[in-house]
Amino acid sequence: MALWDILVRVLVGSILVYFGVEKGGVFMIATFVGLVLLLTAITGFCPLYKITGLSSKEPEAT
Protein backbone atom coordinates (compact mmCIF):
# COMPACT_ATOMS: atom_id res chain seq x y z
CA MET A 1 0.00 0.00 0.00
CA ALA A 2 1.37 3.40 -0.96
CA LEU A 3 1.97 6.13 1.60
CA TRP A 4 -0.71 8.39 0.11
CA ASP A 5 -3.20 5.52 0.36
CA ILE A 6 -2.39 4.98 4.04
CA LEU A 7 -2.69 8.69 4.84
CA VAL A 8 -6.06 8.98 3.11
CA ARG A 9 -7.35 5.90 4.93
CA VAL A 10 -6.23 7.26 8.31
CA LEU A 11 -7.75 10.68 7.65
CA VAL A 12 -11.10 9.43 6.32
CA GLY A 13 -11.28 6.63 8.90
CA SER A 14 -10.67 9.06 11.77
CA ILE A 15 -13.36 11.43 10.51
CA LEU A 16 -15.89 8.60 10.16
CA VAL A 17 -15.15 7.26 13.64
CA TYR A 18 -15.49 10.77 15.08
CA PHE A 19 -18.90 11.28 13.44
CA GLY A 20 -20.06 7.84 14.55
CA VAL A 21 -19.09 8.49 18.16
CA GLU A 22 -20.40 12.06 18.31
CA LYS A 23 -23.65 11.68 16.34
CA GLY A 24 -24.65 8.07 17.03
CA GLY A 25 -27.68 6.57 15.31
CA VAL A 26 -27.18 6.00 11.59
CA PHE A 27 -23.59 7.17 11.91
CA MET A 28 -22.76 3.96 13.77
CA ILE A 29 -22.28 2.45 10.32
CA ALA A 30 -19.70 5.17 9.68
CA THR A 31 -17.88 4.05 12.83
CA PHE A 32 -17.62 0.49 11.50
CA VAL A 33 -16.38 1.67 8.08
CA GLY A 34 -13.91 4.05 9.75
CA LEU A 35 -12.53 1.27 11.93
CA VAL A 36 -12.08 -0.97 8.88
CA LEU A 37 -10.20 1.85 7.10
CA LEU A 38 -7.96 2.40 10.12
CA LEU A 39 -7.29 -1.32 10.44
CA THR A 40 -6.32 -1.65 6.78
CA ALA A 41 -4.06 1.40 7.08
CA ILE A 42 -2.32 -0.03 10.16
CA THR A 43 -1.82 -3.50 8.70
CA GLY A 44 -1.08 -2.35 5.16
CA PHE A 45 -3.37 -5.05 3.78
CA CYS A 46 -6.70 -4.49 2.04
CA PRO A 47 -8.75 -7.58 1.19
CA LEU A 48 -10.55 -5.74 -1.63
CA TYR A 49 -7.20 -4.93 -3.27
CA LYS A 50 -6.27 -8.61 -3.02
CA ILE A 51 -9.58 -9.82 -4.49
CA THR A 52 -9.53 -7.34 -7.39
CA GLY A 53 -5.79 -7.53 -8.01
CA LEU A 54 -5.33 -3.78 -7.54
CA SER A 55 -2.38 -2.07 -5.91
CA SER A 56 -1.60 1.54 -5.06
CA LYS A 57 2.14 0.88 -4.96
CA GLU A 58 4.35 2.09 -7.78
CA PRO A 59 5.80 -0.77 -9.81
CA GLU A 60 9.37 -1.48 -8.79
CA ALA A 61 12.02 -0.60 -11.35
CA THR A 62 14.29 -3.50 -12.28
C-alpha atoms as a PDB file:
ATOM      1  CA  MET A   1       0.000   0.000   0.000  1.00  0.00           C
ATOM      2  CA  ALA A   2       1.371   3.399  -0.960  1.00  0.00           C
ATOM      3  CA  LEU A   3       1.974   6.135   1.604  1.00  0.00           C
ATOM      4  CA  TRP A   4      -0.711   8.394   0.113  1.00  0.00           C
ATOM      5  CA  ASP A   5      -3.201   5.521   0.364  1.00  0.00           C
ATOM      6  CA  ILE A   6      -2.393   4.976   4.041  1.00  0.00           C
ATOM      7  CA  LEU A   7      -2.685   8.689   4.836  1.00  0.00           C
ATOM      8  CA  VAL A   8      -6.060   8.982   3.109  1.00  0.00           C
ATOM      9  CA  ARG A   9      -7.352   5.897   4.928  1.00  0.00           C
ATOM     10  CA  VAL A  10      -6.227   7.261   8.314  1.00  0.00           C
ATOM     11  CA  LEU A  11      -7.752  10.682   7.651  1.00  0.00           C
ATOM     12  CA  VAL A  12     -11.101   9.432   6.318  1.00  0.00           C
ATOM     13  CA  GLY A  13     -11.277   6.634   8.900  1.00  0.00           C
ATOM     14  CA  SER A  14     -10.672   9.060  11.765  1.00  0.00           C
ATOM     15  CA  ILE A  15     -13.363  11.430  10.511  1.00  0.00           C
ATOM     16  CA  LEU A  16     -15.887   8.603  10.155  1.00  0.00           C
ATOM     17  CA  VAL A  17     -15.147   7.258  13.638  1.00  0.00           C
ATOM     18  CA  TYR A  18     -15.490  10.767  15.077  1.00  0.00           C
ATOM     19  CA  PHE A  19     -18.903  11.279  13.439  1.00  0.00           C
ATOM     20  CA  GLY A  20     -20.059   7.840  14.549  1.00  0.00           C
ATOM     21  CA  VAL A  21     -19.086   8.490  18.163  1.00  0.00           C
ATOM     22  CA  GLU A  22     -20.402  12.058  18.306  1.00  0.00           C
ATOM     23  CA  LYS A  23     -23.646  11.682  16.337  1.00  0.00           C
ATOM     24  CA  GLY A  24     -24.648   8.074  17.027  1.00  0.00           C
ATOM     25  CA  GLY A  25     -27.682   6.571  15.307  1.00  0.00           C
ATOM     26  CA  VAL A  26     -27.177   5.997  11.589  1.00  0.00           C
ATOM     27  CA  PHE A  27     -23.586   7.168  11.909  1.00  0.00           C
ATOM     28  CA  MET A  28     -22.758   3.958  13.767  1.00  0.00           C
ATOM     29  CA  ILE A  29     -22.277   2.446  10.315  1.00  0.00           C
ATOM     30  CA  ALA A  30     -19.701   5.167   9.683  1.00  0.00           C
ATOM     31  CA  THR A  31     -17.880   4.048  12.830  1.00  0.00           C
ATOM     32  CA  PHE A  32     -17.624   0.495  11.499  1.00  0.00           C
ATOM     33  CA  VAL A  33     -16.384   1.667   8.076  1.00  0.00           C
ATOM     34  CA  GLY A  34     -13.915   4.045   9.749  1.00  0.00           C
ATOM     35  CA  LEU A  35     -12.530   1.266  11.926  1.00  0.00           C
ATOM     36  CA  VAL A  36     -12.078  -0.966   8.880  1.00  0.00           C
ATOM     37  CA  LEU A  37     -10.204   1.846   7.099  1.00  0.00           C
ATOM     38  CA  LEU A  38      -7.965   2.401  10.121  1.00  0.00           C
ATOM     39  CA  LEU A  39      -7.294  -1.324  10.443  1.00  0.00           C
ATOM     40  CA  THR A  40      -6.323  -1.653   6.783  1.00  0.00           C
ATOM     41  CA  ALA A  41      -4.065   1.398   7.084  1.00  0.00           C
ATOM     42  CA  ILE A  42      -2.320  -0.027  10.164  1.00  0.00           C
ATOM     43  CA  THR A  43      -1.822  -3.504   8.702  1.00  0.00           C
ATOM     44  CA  GLY A  44      -1.085  -2.352   5.158  1.00  0.00           C
ATOM     45  CA  PHE A  45      -3.367  -5.052   3.780  1.00  0.00           C
ATOM     46  CA  CYS A  46      -6.696  -4.487   2.043  1.00  0.00           C
ATOM     47  CA  PRO A  47      -8.750  -7.576   1.192  1.00  0.00           C
ATOM     48  CA  LEU A  48     -10.548  -5.740  -1.631  1.00  0.00           C
ATOM     49  CA  TYR A  49      -7.202  -4.927  -3.266  1.00  0.00           C
ATOM     50  CA  LYS A  50      -6.273  -8.614  -3.019  1.00  0.00           C
ATOM     51  CA  ILE A  51      -9.580  -9.818  -4.493  1.00  0.00           C
ATOM     52  CA  THR A  52      -9.529  -7.337  -7.387  1.00  0.00           C
ATOM     53  CA  GLY A  53      -5.786  -7.532  -8.007  1.00  0.00           C
ATOM     54  CA  LEU A  54      -5.334  -3.782  -7.543  1.00  0.00           C
ATOM     55  CA  SER A  55      -2.384  -2.073  -5.905  1.00  0.00           C
ATOM     56  CA  SER A  56      -1.601   1.536  -5.064  1.00  0.00           C
ATOM     57  CA  LYS A  57       2.145   0.883  -4.964  1.00  0.00           C
ATOM     58  CA  GLU A  58       4.348   2.088  -7.776  1.00  0.00           C
ATOM     59  CA  PRO A  59       5.798  -0.774  -9.808  1.00  0.00           C
ATOM     60  CA  GLU A  60       9.369  -1.485  -8.786  1.00  0.00           C
ATOM     61  CA  ALA A  61      12.021  -0.603 -11.352  1.00  0.00           C
ATOM     62  CA  THR A  62      14.288  -3.495 -12.277  1.00  0.00           C
END
